[in-house]
């Protein structure tokens, strides 16, 4: 399960998560003692790094410990995705929303030293975690250390009396007004309010019909609403689910902006609801009843090959889950875009044959959108593999970065693609790709330098100033500067480079008096409006260069615009 996103997405630590199978029971006493010492040193290193001199106490958790032991013993198996950890944690009853796994292996060296280096990463908000588990394993000269950190703000109580249809929990005193969002298999999202009973809260988690359910506990905290816990629940056995259920309603806030306009109107604009190619009732007639096994985990997988109708039913249900999830949380509704859907389907097909990632034979998400004639100012992408699309949705919602993509309020269109396969072990699998975007044009690429120059002139004219004369010579200088920065990997114009550019302008045009130079790296082209040089009446000529980042560079996502503008007075 992965995501590529135009907004910032930091990978907290270089997660060395390839796992090695180790027969711990066959280790000698000396090796067992050595492993124990490694574990104790690793535990002390983590506590020292996270405590940071404060009185904070990290609670050791047995359920986390069982998963950490599994991770340390699986170092070379290749089960490296966060989804594996998430499902292991769910199997152990851990419902914490935030967790961080670190698994480090060292051969003929000390893994604790590598762990201590990883713990020095100040970009990680170490102080958020309050539960810990550490495990270590060894095979020959190779030792693995697994650390699992979790942020636990809601504790689920098992008093032996609570009904299986009720959650009994304690919530940290920093949080108030808890709310439970319940996503049903049919796409409805129910909002339930836990009620206080003494020092605990009680919440209804009844699942009255078959399929995959998702429960998300939120509450108001010191920094606003936060997700405290998230867990799935599957109920099956009462027969196939009726696929004709209508999804939760969404409300459009207005018409979409003109897709041929690189600078659509500002303000809160949402797309009107998308009408699917066939209604839910028609879809239930087309897709066999046992499609529910792929759609929402209702019943066992059918003993037949999946059809196009099965895949379409799975895609429709996944889209309904996305739409209902966004609507329940007050996000603008999305238009289900046919070309974006084609892009997602292409990606899902490539993921089945491998490798599993965001860059495949068709390129990146932006490449796939471009091959459909689309230009996106913002694009996010989630991919997941699960037994059915309900589980895929749960796994994506359980990852903070993927959840942010799915709930991104700045995207306007989307599409999903699902490929259904049967794995060699006989298990059914749904490969899902989700693409969300804000489109600028739908009939070919934008001439960005021209579009930006037009916008700058429009702002100047509106302020009573003269438009700028465009010079290809200046634009060529600006383009070389942008290309050099991208090649160097540092998107910054040093004072020396700015001076060189100004001297180059004066070399070609000896009568140039003032040179203004702007560098802008953004996913929002309207940002040029804020540049002081745009309104400076001294300047008479302009050179503009725009290059889209093909891949992520530093804090800037793939698809961001690298803009270099030269304003010249002659």
Protein backbone atom coordinates (compact mmCIF):
# COMPACT_ATOMS: atom_id res chain seq x y z
CA UNK A 1 0.00 0.00 0.00
CA UNK A 2 1.57 3.24 -1.11
CA UNK A 3 0.75 6.75 -2.17
CA UNK A 4 2.17 9.47 -4.31
CA UNK A 5 0.94 12.93 -3.55
CA UNK A 6 1.45 16.50 -4.64
CA UNK A 7 1.15 17.78 -1.05
CA UNK A 8 4.11 17.31 1.27
CA UNK A 9 4.62 13.75 2.41
CA UNK A 10 7.65 13.04 4.62
CA UNK A 11 8.94 9.53 5.06
CA UNK A 12 9.76 9.74 8.73
CA UNK A 13 12.67 7.31 8.81
CA UNK A 14 14.47 5.16 6.27
CA UNK A 15 12.33 2.17 7.24
CA UNK A 16 14.52 -0.85 6.67
CA UNK A 17 11.65 -3.28 6.67
CA UNK A 18 12.73 -6.31 4.66
CA UNK A 19 12.23 -9.20 7.11
CA UNK A 20 14.21 -12.42 7.81
CA UNK A 21 12.86 -15.80 8.97
CA UNK A 22 14.90 -16.80 12.01
CA UNK A 23 14.48 -20.01 13.97
CA UNK A 24 14.80 -18.50 17.42
CA UNK A 25 14.20 -21.82 19.14
CA UNK A 26 17.33 -23.30 17.57
CA UNK A 27 19.73 -20.64 18.83
CA UNK A 28 22.45 -21.52 21.30
CA UNK A 29 22.37 -20.14 24.84
CA UNK A 30 25.23 -17.79 24.01
CA UNK A 31 23.39 -16.44 21.00
CA UNK A 32 20.16 -16.14 22.98
CA UNK A 33 21.97 -14.11 25.62
CA UNK A 34 23.49 -11.93 22.92
CA UNK A 35 20.07 -11.29 21.41
CA UNK A 36 18.74 -10.38 24.85
CA UNK A 37 21.52 -7.87 25.36
CA UNK A 38 20.88 -6.34 21.93
CA UNK A 39 17.20 -5.99 22.77
CA UNK A 40 17.92 -4.32 26.11
CA UNK A 41 20.35 -1.85 24.51
CA UNK A 42 17.88 -1.08 21.71
CA UNK A 43 15.10 -0.53 24.23
CA UNK A 44 17.29 1.84 26.23
CA UNK A 45 18.29 3.75 23.07
CA UNK A 46 14.67 4.27 22.03
CA UNK A 47 13.56 5.37 25.48
CA UNK A 48 16.49 7.81 25.74
CA UNK A 49 15.72 9.30 22.32
CA UNK A 50 11.97 9.60 22.89
CA UNK A 51 12.20 10.72 26.50
CA UNK A 52 14.46 13.60 25.49
CA UNK A 53 15.23 14.38 29.12
CA UNK A 54 11.58 14.69 30.14
CA UNK A 55 9.57 12.66 32.63
CA UNK A 56 7.65 10.92 29.84
CA UNK A 57 7.12 7.20 30.41
CA UNK A 58 6.89 4.81 27.46
CA UNK A 59 4.52 1.93 28.25
CA UNK A 60 5.63 -1.51 27.12
CA UNK A 61 2.79 -3.25 25.31
CA UNK A 62 2.44 -7.01 24.96
CA UNK A 63 0.37 -6.91 21.78
CA UNK A 64 2.92 -4.62 20.14
CA UNK A 65 5.60 -6.98 21.45
CA UNK A 66 4.14 -9.96 19.61
CA UNK A 67 4.13 -8.02 16.35
CA UNK A 68 7.70 -6.75 16.95
CA UNK A 69 8.85 -10.34 17.56
CA UNK A 70 7.22 -11.39 14.29
CA UNK A 71 8.92 -8.52 12.46
CA UNK A 72 12.37 -9.26 13.86
CA UNK A 73 12.00 -12.91 12.84
CA UNK A 74 10.91 -12.15 9.26
CA UNK A 75 13.74 -9.89 8.11
CA UNK A 76 14.46 -11.58 4.78
CA UNK A 77 10.99 -12.67 3.77
CA UNK A 78 10.32 -9.39 1.98
CA UNK A 79 7.06 -8.53 3.77
CA UNK A 80 8.04 -4.90 3.97
CA UNK A 81 4.84 -2.94 3.45
CA UNK A 82 3.21 -1.01 6.26
CA UNK A 83 -0.03 -2.81 5.43
CA UNK A 84 1.45 -6.04 6.78
CA UNK A 85 2.18 -4.38 10.11
CA UNK A 86 -1.25 -2.81 10.23
CA UNK A 87 -3.04 -6.11 9.69
CA UNK A 88 -0.80 -7.85 12.24
CA UNK A 89 -1.65 -5.15 14.76
CA UNK A 90 -5.36 -5.45 14.01
CA UNK A 91 -5.11 -9.22 14.48
CA UNK A 92 -3.61 -8.58 17.92
CA UNK A 93 -6.43 -6.17 18.79
CA UNK A 94 -4.32 -3.00 18.46
CA UNK A 95 -6.53 -0.22 17.16
CA UNK A 96 -4.18 2.73 17.59
CA UNK A 97 -4.31 5.02 14.57
CA UNK A 98 -0.66 6.11 14.63
CA UNK A 99 2.26 3.68 14.75
CA UNK A 100 5.84 3.64 13.53
CA UNK A 101 7.83 0.46 12.78
CA UNK A 102 11.62 0.42 12.57
CA UNK A 103 13.31 -2.86 11.61
CA UNK A 104 17.08 -2.72 11.23
CA UNK A 105 19.43 -5.56 10.27
CA UNK A 106 23.20 -5.64 10.65
CA UNK A 107 25.70 -8.33 9.64
CA UNK A 108 28.97 -8.48 11.58
CA UNK A 109 28.16 -5.10 13.06
CA UNK A 110 26.03 -3.49 15.75
CA UNK A 111 22.35 -2.88 14.74
CA UNK A 112 21.84 -0.67 17.78
CA UNK A 113 24.29 1.88 16.38
CA UNK A 114 22.22 2.06 13.18
CA UNK A 115 19.08 2.38 15.28
CA UNK A 116 20.58 5.26 17.26
CA UNK A 117 21.37 7.04 13.97
CA UNK A 118 17.78 6.59 12.77
CA UNK A 119 16.49 7.97 16.07
CA UNK A 120 18.38 11.22 15.47
CA UNK A 121 16.00 12.15 12.65
CA UNK A 122 14.46 15.35 13.98
CA UNK A 123 11.77 15.38 11.28
CA UNK A 124 9.98 12.61 13.18
CA UNK A 125 7.61 13.74 15.92
CA UNK A 126 8.97 11.18 18.37
CA UNK A 127 7.20 12.80 21.29
CA UNK A 128 3.78 11.73 19.96
CA UNK A 129 4.38 8.06 20.76
CA UNK A 130 3.64 6.65 24.20
CA UNK A 131 3.67 2.84 23.74
CA UNK A 132 6.68 0.74 22.81
CA UNK A 133 7.79 -2.79 21.95
CA UNK A 134 11.31 -3.93 21.06
CA UNK A 135 12.42 -7.36 19.82
CA UNK A 136 15.64 -8.83 18.42
CA UNK A 137 16.60 -11.99 16.49
CA UNK A 138 19.84 -13.43 15.17
CA UNK A 139 20.84 -15.87 12.47
CA UNK A 140 24.56 -16.54 12.21
CA UNK A 141 26.31 -13.18 12.02
CA UNK A 142 23.12 -11.28 11.18
CA UNK A 143 21.07 -9.59 13.88
CA UNK A 144 17.76 -7.84 13.42
CA UNK A 145 16.15 -5.33 15.75
CA UNK A 146 12.47 -4.45 15.51
CA UNK A 147 10.97 -1.41 17.25
CA UNK A 148 7.26 -0.67 17.21
CA UNK A 149 6.04 2.68 18.51
CA UNK A 150 2.39 3.53 18.92
CA UNK A 151 0.42 6.57 19.94
CA UNK A 152 -2.32 5.34 22.24
CA UNK A 153 -4.97 7.85 23.31
CA UNK A 154 -7.93 5.46 23.56
CA UNK A 155 -7.73 2.20 25.50
CA UNK A 156 -10.28 -0.51 24.80
CA UNK A 157 -11.50 -2.26 27.93
CA UNK A 158 -12.35 -5.96 28.04
CA UNK A 159 -14.22 -6.53 31.29
CA UNK A 160 -15.71 -9.85 30.27
CA UNK A 161 -19.19 -8.34 30.32
CA UNK A 162 -19.23 -5.95 27.35
CA UNK A 163 -21.30 -7.11 24.40
CA UNK A 164 -19.42 -7.83 21.15
CA UNK A 165 -21.65 -5.15 19.61
CA UNK A 166 -20.35 -2.52 22.04
CA UNK A 167 -16.93 -0.93 22.52
CA UNK A 168 -15.98 0.04 26.05
CA UNK A 169 -13.07 2.49 26.09
CA UNK A 170 -11.12 5.01 28.06
CA UNK A 171 -10.03 8.22 26.34
CA UNK A 172 -7.13 10.45 27.36
CA UNK A 173 -8.20 13.49 29.37
CA UNK A 174 -6.78 15.74 26.64
CA UNK A 175 -9.67 14.75 24.36
CA UNK A 176 -13.36 15.57 24.46
CA UNK A 177 -16.52 15.05 22.39
CA UNK A 178 -15.68 11.67 20.83
CA UNK A 179 -17.45 10.70 17.60
CA UNK A 180 -17.54 7.30 15.91
CA UNK A 181 -17.73 7.19 12.10
CA UNK A 182 -18.97 3.81 10.93
CA UNK A 183 -18.48 2.99 7.25
CA UNK A 184 -20.85 0.21 6.24
CA UNK A 185 -20.13 -2.26 3.42
CA UNK A 186 -22.82 -0.66 1.26
CA UNK A 187 -21.10 2.75 1.30
CA UNK A 188 -23.21 4.48 3.93
CA UNK A 189 -21.34 6.30 6.70
CA UNK A 190 -23.10 6.47 10.05
CA UNK A 191 -22.15 8.96 12.73
CA UNK A 192 -22.52 7.55 16.23
CA UNK A 193 -21.84 9.36 19.49
CA UNK A 194 -20.25 7.39 22.36
CA UNK A 195 -21.76 8.15 25.74
CA UNK A 196 -19.99 8.46 29.06
CA UNK A 197 -20.57 5.82 31.71
CA UNK A 198 -18.53 6.72 34.77
CA UNK A 199 -14.85 6.76 33.80
CA UNK A 200 -15.41 5.01 30.47
CA UNK A 201 -17.16 5.66 27.17
CA UNK A 202 -19.52 3.23 25.50
CA UNK A 203 -19.90 3.06 21.72
CA UNK A 204 -22.22 0.98 19.55
CA UNK A 205 -20.23 -1.16 17.06
CA UNK A 206 -23.05 -3.50 16.03
CA UNK A 207 -22.69 -4.88 12.48
CA UNK A 208 -26.20 -6.01 11.48
CA UNK A 209 -25.37 -7.36 7.99
CA UNK A 210 -22.57 -8.97 6.06
CA UNK A 211 -19.42 -7.41 4.73
CA UNK A 212 -16.41 -5.32 5.73
CA UNK A 213 -17.06 -2.52 8.20
CA UNK A 214 -14.73 0.27 9.24
CA UNK A 215 -14.85 2.09 12.59
CA UNK A 216 -13.05 5.40 13.09
CA UNK A 217 -12.96 7.06 16.51
CA UNK A 218 -12.33 10.81 16.49
CA UNK A 219 -12.29 13.42 19.26
CA UNK A 220 -11.43 17.07 19.81
CA UNK A 221 -7.87 17.42 21.09
CA UNK A 222 -5.37 20.17 21.88
CA UNK A 223 -4.77 20.85 18.16
CA UNK A 224 -8.30 20.18 16.89
CA UNK A 225 -10.09 16.99 15.77
CA UNK A 226 -7.87 13.92 15.68
CA UNK A 227 -8.26 10.25 14.81
CA UNK A 228 -7.71 8.23 18.00
CA UNK A 229 -8.39 4.71 16.79
CA UNK A 230 -9.38 2.88 13.64
CA UNK A 231 -10.26 -0.75 13.11
CA UNK A 232 -12.07 -2.97 10.60
CA UNK A 233 -14.58 -5.69 11.31
CA UNK A 234 -15.86 -8.34 8.94
CA UNK A 235 -19.17 -10.15 9.33
CA UNK A 236 -20.17 -12.88 6.91
CA UNK A 237 -22.34 -15.97 6.81
CA UNK A 238 -25.82 -14.57 6.34
CA UNK A 239 -25.74 -14.87 2.56
CA UNK A 240 -24.68 -12.52 -0.26
CA UNK A 241 -25.13 -8.81 0.18
CA UNK A 242 -27.57 -6.99 -2.08
CA UNK A 243 -25.48 -4.79 -4.34
CA UNK A 244 -28.42 -2.52 -5.13
CA UNK A 245 -28.06 -0.46 -1.92
CA UNK A 246 -27.75 3.25 -2.64
CA UNK A 247 -24.60 5.06 -1.43
CA UNK A 248 -24.67 7.95 0.97
CA UNK A 249 -25.84 11.15 -0.69
CA UNK A 250 -23.36 13.88 -1.56
CA UNK A 251 -24.11 17.51 -2.31
CA UNK A 252 -22.39 19.59 -5.00
CA UNK A 253 -21.58 23.20 -4.20
CA UNK A 254 -21.47 24.53 -7.74
CA UNK A 255 -20.33 23.95 -11.29
CA UNK A 256 -16.71 22.93 -11.98
CA UNK A 257 -14.37 25.62 -13.32
CA UNK A 258 -13.65 25.79 -17.02
CA UNK A 259 -11.11 22.97 -17.59
CA UNK A 260 -9.40 24.93 -20.35
CA UNK A 261 -8.53 27.77 -17.97
CA UNK A 262 -5.13 27.29 -16.23
CA UNK A 263 -6.28 29.64 -13.47
CA UNK A 264 -9.79 28.59 -12.42
CA UNK A 265 -11.76 30.91 -10.13
CA UNK A 266 -10.67 31.05 -6.50
CA UNK A 267 -12.94 30.23 -3.60
CA UNK A 268 -14.67 27.08 -2.35
CA UNK A 269 -15.64 25.21 -5.49
CA UNK A 270 -16.79 21.59 -5.46
CA UNK A 271 -17.84 19.30 -8.26
CA UNK A 272 -21.41 18.14 -8.60
CA UNK A 273 -22.04 14.44 -7.92
CA UNK A 274 -21.03 12.10 -10.69
CA UNK A 275 -23.70 9.93 -12.25
CA UNK A 276 -22.34 6.43 -12.83
CA UNK A 277 -22.75 4.76 -16.19
CA UNK A 278 -25.36 2.42 -14.74
CA UNK A 279 -27.55 2.82 -11.70
CA UNK A 280 -26.99 0.73 -8.58
CA UNK A 281 -30.07 -1.35 -9.37
CA UNK A 282 -28.85 -2.04 -12.91
CA UNK A 283 -25.43 -2.93 -11.53
CA UNK A 284 -26.92 -5.48 -9.14
CA UNK A 285 -28.57 -7.21 -12.09
CA UNK A 286 -25.40 -7.23 -14.16
CA UNK A 287 -23.00 -8.44 -11.45
CA UNK A 288 -23.60 -11.94 -10.05
CA UNK A 289 -24.59 -11.99 -6.35
CA UNK A 290 -21.32 -13.62 -5.32
CA UNK A 291 -19.46 -10.50 -6.49
CA UNK A 292 -19.96 -9.32 -2.92
CA UNK A 293 -16.95 -11.45 -1.93
CA UNK A 294 -14.72 -9.06 -3.88
CA UNK A 295 -16.74 -5.94 -3.25
CA UNK A 296 -17.06 -6.00 0.52
CA UNK A 297 -15.94 -9.31 1.95
CA UNK A 298 -19.39 -10.85 2.19
CA UNK A 299 -19.05 -14.63 2.08
CA UNK A 300 -16.38 -16.86 0.61
CA UNK A 301 -14.78 -16.19 -2.76
CA UNK A 302 -16.73 -17.72 -5.65
CA UNK A 303 -15.36 -20.77 -7.45
CA UNK A 304 -15.16 -19.03 -10.81
CA UNK A 305 -13.06 -16.52 -12.68
CA UNK A 306 -13.96 -12.85 -12.15
CA UNK A 307 -15.69 -11.04 -14.99
CA UNK A 308 -15.66 -7.44 -16.19
CA UNK A 309 -18.98 -6.95 -14.37
CA UNK A 310 -17.36 -8.12 -11.11
CA UNK A 311 -14.52 -5.63 -11.50
CA UNK A 312 -16.98 -2.84 -12.33
CA UNK A 313 -19.04 -3.66 -9.22
CA UNK A 314 -15.88 -3.54 -7.11
CA UNK A 315 -14.85 -0.20 -8.63
CA UNK A 316 -18.30 1.28 -8.05
CA UNK A 317 -18.32 0.18 -4.43
CA UNK A 318 -14.83 1.55 -3.80
CA UNK A 319 -15.90 4.89 -5.29
CA UNK A 320 -19.01 4.91 -3.11
CA UNK A 321 -16.86 4.27 -0.03
CA UNK A 322 -14.58 7.16 -0.99
CA UNK A 323 -17.50 9.50 -1.70
CA UNK A 324 -19.33 8.65 1.52
CA UNK A 325 -16.16 8.97 3.59
CA UNK A 326 -15.44 12.42 2.18
CA UNK A 327 -19.05 13.58 2.57
CA UNK A 328 -19.24 12.44 6.20
CA UNK A 329 -16.18 14.53 7.02
CA UNK A 330 -17.34 17.65 5.19
CA UNK A 331 -14.99 17.35 2.21
CA UNK A 332 -16.11 18.57 -1.23
CA UNK A 333 -17.59 15.88 -3.43
CA UNK A 334 -15.53 14.61 -6.35
CA UNK A 335 -16.42 14.19 -9.98
CA UNK A 336 -15.71 10.67 -11.16
CA UNK A 337 -13.76 11.46 -14.30
CA UNK A 338 -13.68 8.91 -17.14
CA UNK A 339 -10.10 9.66 -18.27
CA UNK A 340 -8.79 9.66 -14.68
CA UNK A 341 -10.55 6.30 -14.25
CA UNK A 342 -8.79 4.98 -17.36
CA UNK A 343 -5.48 6.13 -15.87
CA UNK A 344 -6.22 4.31 -12.59
CA UNK A 345 -7.25 1.12 -14.38
CA UNK A 346 -4.04 1.16 -16.41
CA UNK A 347 -2.03 1.43 -13.20
CA UNK A 348 -3.96 -1.37 -11.47
CA UNK A 349 -3.34 -3.72 -14.42
CA UNK A 350 0.38 -2.99 -14.32
CA UNK A 351 0.51 -3.55 -10.55
CA UNK A 352 -0.82 -7.09 -10.97
CA UNK A 353 2.20 -8.11 -13.07
CA UNK A 354 4.54 -6.03 -10.91
CA UNK A 355 6.43 -4.34 -9.54
CA UNK A 356 4.14 -2.93 -6.88
CA UNK A 357 4.78 0.80 -6.81
CA UNK A 358 3.88 4.19 -8.16
CA UNK A 359 6.26 4.17 -11.10
CA UNK A 360 5.46 1.41 -13.57
CA UNK A 361 5.81 0.78 -17.30
CA UNK A 362 3.45 3.69 -17.98
CA UNK A 363 5.50 6.06 -15.78
CA UNK A 364 4.21 8.08 -12.85
CA UNK A 365 0.67 9.19 -12.02
CA UNK A 366 1.30 12.45 -13.87
CA UNK A 367 2.58 10.51 -16.90
CA UNK A 368 -0.56 8.37 -16.94
CA UNK A 369 -2.79 11.41 -16.68
CA UNK A 370 -0.79 13.09 -19.43
CA UNK A 371 -1.26 10.09 -21.73
CA UNK A 372 -5.00 10.68 -21.40
CA UNK A 373 -4.59 14.31 -22.50
CA UNK A 374 -4.90 15.70 -18.97
CA UNK A 375 -2.75 18.32 -17.25
CA UNK A 376 -3.00 18.32 -13.46
CA UNK A 377 -1.93 21.07 -11.07
CA UNK A 378 -2.35 18.63 -8.20
CA UNK A 379 -2.47 14.83 -8.21
CA UNK A 380 -2.53 12.23 -5.45
CA UNK A 381 -2.50 8.46 -5.77
CA UNK A 382 -3.18 5.52 -3.48
CA UNK A 383 -2.61 1.85 -4.28
CA UNK A 384 -3.54 -1.16 -2.19
CA UNK A 385 -3.85 -4.92 -2.45
CA UNK A 386 -6.42 -6.70 -0.28
CA UNK A 387 -8.94 -9.54 -0.32
CA UNK A 388 -11.72 -7.12 -1.28
CA UNK A 389 -12.18 -3.40 -1.83
CA UNK A 390 -13.71 -2.85 1.61
CA UNK A 391 -10.47 -4.11 3.18
CA UNK A 392 -8.43 -2.00 0.75
CA UNK A 393 -10.40 1.09 1.81
CA UNK A 394 -9.87 0.26 5.49
CA UNK A 395 -6.13 -0.18 5.01
CA UNK A 396 -5.81 3.14 3.17
CA UNK A 397 -7.83 4.98 5.79
CA UNK A 398 -5.60 3.48 8.49
CA UNK A 399 -2.47 5.09 7.00
CA UNK A 400 -2.17 8.82 7.81
CA UNK A 401 -0.63 9.72 4.44
CA UNK A 402 -3.10 7.66 2.38
CA UNK A 403 -6.01 8.95 4.45
CA UNK A 404 -4.83 12.51 3.75
CA UNK A 405 -4.84 11.76 0.02
CA UNK A 406 -8.34 10.31 0.16
CA UNK A 407 -9.69 13.27 2.14
CA UNK A 408 -7.67 15.96 0.33
CA UNK A 409 -10.01 18.99 0.09
CA UNK A 410 -8.05 20.53 -2.80
CA UNK A 411 -8.67 17.82 -5.39
CA UNK A 412 -11.74 17.99 -7.60
CA UNK A 413 -11.86 14.86 -9.77
CA UNK A 414 -10.95 11.23 -9.29
CA UNK A 415 -11.09 7.72 -10.59
CA UNK A 416 -10.47 4.19 -9.33
CA UNK A 417 -9.36 1.01 -11.04
CA UNK A 418 -9.70 -2.52 -9.65
CA UNK A 419 -8.29 -5.77 -11.02
CA UNK A 420 -9.52 -9.04 -9.48
CA UNK A 421 -7.19 -12.03 -9.45
CA UNK A 422 -6.73 -15.36 -7.73
CA UNK A 423 -3.33 -15.86 -6.17
CA UNK A 424 -1.38 -19.15 -6.37
CA UNK A 425 -2.46 -20.06 -2.83
CA UNK A 426 -6.10 -19.85 -3.92
CA UNK A 427 -6.81 -16.59 -2.09
CA UNK A 428 -8.80 -13.92 -3.91
CA UNK A 429 -7.17 -10.54 -4.29
CA UNK A 430 -8.35 -7.08 -5.34
CA UNK A 431 -5.67 -4.75 -6.66
CA UNK A 432 -6.91 -1.17 -6.35
CA UNK A 433 -5.54 2.12 -7.66
CA UNK A 434 -7.05 5.48 -6.71
CA UNK A 435 -6.19 8.76 -8.44
CA UNK A 436 -7.37 12.19 -7.27
CA UNK A 437 -6.51 15.39 -9.12
CA UNK A 438 -7.19 19.02 -9.86
CA UNK A 439 -7.14 19.37 -13.63
CA UNK A 440 -6.06 22.43 -15.51
CA UNK A 441 -6.81 21.34 -19.06
CA UNK A 442 -8.29 18.23 -20.62
CA UNK A 443 -7.26 18.65 -24.23
CA UNK A 444 -3.47 18.70 -24.08
CA UNK A 445 -0.58 20.22 -22.13
CA UNK A 446 -0.58 23.86 -21.02
CA UNK A 447 1.98 26.29 -22.46
CA UNK A 448 2.96 27.31 -18.94
CA UNK A 449 5.38 30.17 -19.72
CA UNK A 450 2.75 31.75 -21.96
CA UNK A 451 -0.03 31.19 -19.40
CA UNK A 452 2.01 32.77 -16.60
CA UNK A 453 3.06 35.73 -18.78
CA UNK A 454 -0.58 36.32 -19.72
CA UNK A 455 -1.59 36.26 -16.07
CA UNK A 456 1.17 38.71 -15.10
CA UNK A 457 0.11 41.11 -17.87
CA UNK A 458 -3.53 40.87 -16.80
CA UNK A 459 -2.58 41.80 -13.24
CA UNK A 460 -0.49 44.73 -14.44
CA UNK A 461 -3.19 46.07 -16.74
CA UNK A 462 -5.79 45.77 -13.97
CA UNK A 463 -3.52 47.94 -11.80
CA UNK A 464 -3.09 50.57 -14.54
CA UNK A 465 0.38 49.49 -15.63
CA UNK A 466 1.73 48.58 -19.05
CA UNK A 467 1.99 44.90 -20.07
CA UNK A 468 5.49 43.45 -20.47
CA UNK A 469 7.22 42.67 -23.74
CA UNK A 470 8.25 39.00 -23.85
CA UNK A 471 11.80 38.19 -24.89
CA UNK A 472 12.78 34.69 -26.04
CA UNK A 473 16.40 35.43 -25.09
CA UNK A 474 15.43 36.12 -21.48
CA UNK A 475 13.18 33.05 -21.43
CA UNK A 476 16.06 30.86 -22.63
CA UNK A 477 18.25 32.19 -19.79
CA UNK A 478 15.50 31.47 -17.27
CA UNK A 479 15.00 27.94 -18.64
CA UNK A 480 18.72 27.12 -18.35
CA UNK A 481 18.69 28.32 -14.73
CA UNK A 482 15.64 26.15 -13.91
CA UNK A 483 17.15 23.08 -15.61
CA UNK A 484 20.46 23.54 -13.74
CA UNK A 485 18.70 23.64 -10.38
CA UNK A 486 16.69 20.51 -11.11
CA UNK A 487 19.81 18.68 -12.27
CA UNK A 488 21.71 19.74 -9.13
CA UNK A 489 18.88 18.58 -6.89
CA UNK A 490 18.76 21.94 -5.05
CA UNK A 491 15.90 24.27 -5.96
CA UNK A 492 17.56 27.49 -4.88
CA UNK A 493 19.06 30.49 -6.65
CA UNK A 494 22.15 31.54 -4.73
CA UNK A 495 23.17 35.22 -4.64
CA UNK A 496 26.09 34.31 -6.92
CA UNK A 497 23.77 32.66 -9.49
CA UNK A 498 21.38 35.63 -9.38
CA UNK A 499 24.33 37.96 -10.04
CA UNK A 500 25.43 35.79 -12.99
CA UNK A 501 21.93 35.92 -14.51
CA UNK A 502 21.80 39.69 -14.18
CA UNK A 503 25.25 40.02 -15.80
CA UNK A 504 24.17 37.70 -18.62
CA UNK A 505 21.14 39.93 -19.30
CA UNK A 506 23.39 43.01 -19.43
CA UNK A 507 25.88 41.20 -21.70
CA UNK A 508 23.17 40.67 -24.32
CA UNK A 509 21.45 44.01 -23.74
CA UNK A 510 23.97 46.60 -22.66
CA UNK A 511 21.24 49.15 -22.03
CA UNK A 512 19.52 46.95 -19.40
CA UNK A 513 19.33 48.98 -16.19
CA UNK A 514 17.46 46.86 -13.62
CA UNK A 515 16.98 43.08 -13.50
CA UNK A 516 14.48 41.41 -11.18
CA UNK A 517 14.75 37.64 -10.70
CA UNK A 518 12.09 35.42 -9.11
CA UNK A 519 12.15 31.70 -8.35
CA UNK A 520 8.89 29.99 -7.47
CA UNK A 521 8.35 26.26 -6.82
CA UNK A 522 4.65 25.59 -6.42
CA UNK A 523 1.69 23.41 -7.28
CA UNK A 524 -0.51 26.53 -7.36
CA UNK A 525 0.27 28.78 -10.35
CA UNK A 526 -1.74 31.67 -8.86
CA UNK A 527 1.21 32.20 -6.53
CA UNK A 528 2.78 34.47 -9.18
CA UNK A 529 0.23 37.11 -8.14
CA UNK A 530 2.14 37.65 -4.89
CA UNK A 531 5.49 38.48 -6.51
CA UNK A 532 6.48 42.13 -5.98
CA UNK A 533 8.11 42.37 -9.41
CA UNK A 534 4.75 41.72 -11.10
CA UNK A 535 3.49 45.19 -10.14
CA UNK A 536 6.82 47.06 -10.34
CA UNK A 537 6.24 49.73 -12.98
CA UNK A 538 9.96 50.08 -13.76
CA UNK A 539 10.09 46.78 -15.66
CA UNK A 540 9.24 46.65 -19.36
CA UNK A 541 10.30 43.15 -20.52
CA UNK A 542 9.88 39.59 -19.29
CA UNK A 543 11.46 36.18 -19.72
CA UNK A 544 9.61 33.18 -18.28
CA UNK A 545 10.50 29.50 -17.89
CA UNK A 546 8.45 26.73 -16.31
CA UNK A 547 9.51 23.11 -15.82
CA UNK A 548 7.35 20.52 -14.09
CA UNK A 549 9.24 18.29 -11.66
CA UNK A 550 9.18 14.73 -13.06
CA UNK A 551 9.86 13.24 -9.61
CA UNK A 552 9.84 14.40 -6.01
CA UNK A 553 12.74 16.73 -5.18
CA UNK A 554 13.36 17.61 -1.55
CA UNK A 555 10.13 18.90 -0.03
CA UNK A 556 8.57 19.45 -3.46
CA UNK A 557 6.26 16.82 -4.91
CA UNK A 558 6.35 15.44 -8.42
CA UNK A 559 4.40 17.71 -10.75
CA UNK A 560 5.29 20.93 -8.94
CA UNK A 561 6.07 23.88 -11.19
CA UNK A 562 9.63 25.27 -11.11
CA UNK A 563 9.16 28.86 -12.29
CA UNK A 564 12.00 31.28 -13.08
CA UNK A 565 11.02 34.82 -14.11
CA UNK A 566 13.33 37.57 -15.36
CA UNK A 567 11.95 41.13 -15.20
CA UNK A 568 14.08 43.63 -17.12
CA UNK A 569 14.08 47.43 -17.34
CA UNK A 570 15.60 48.93 -20.49
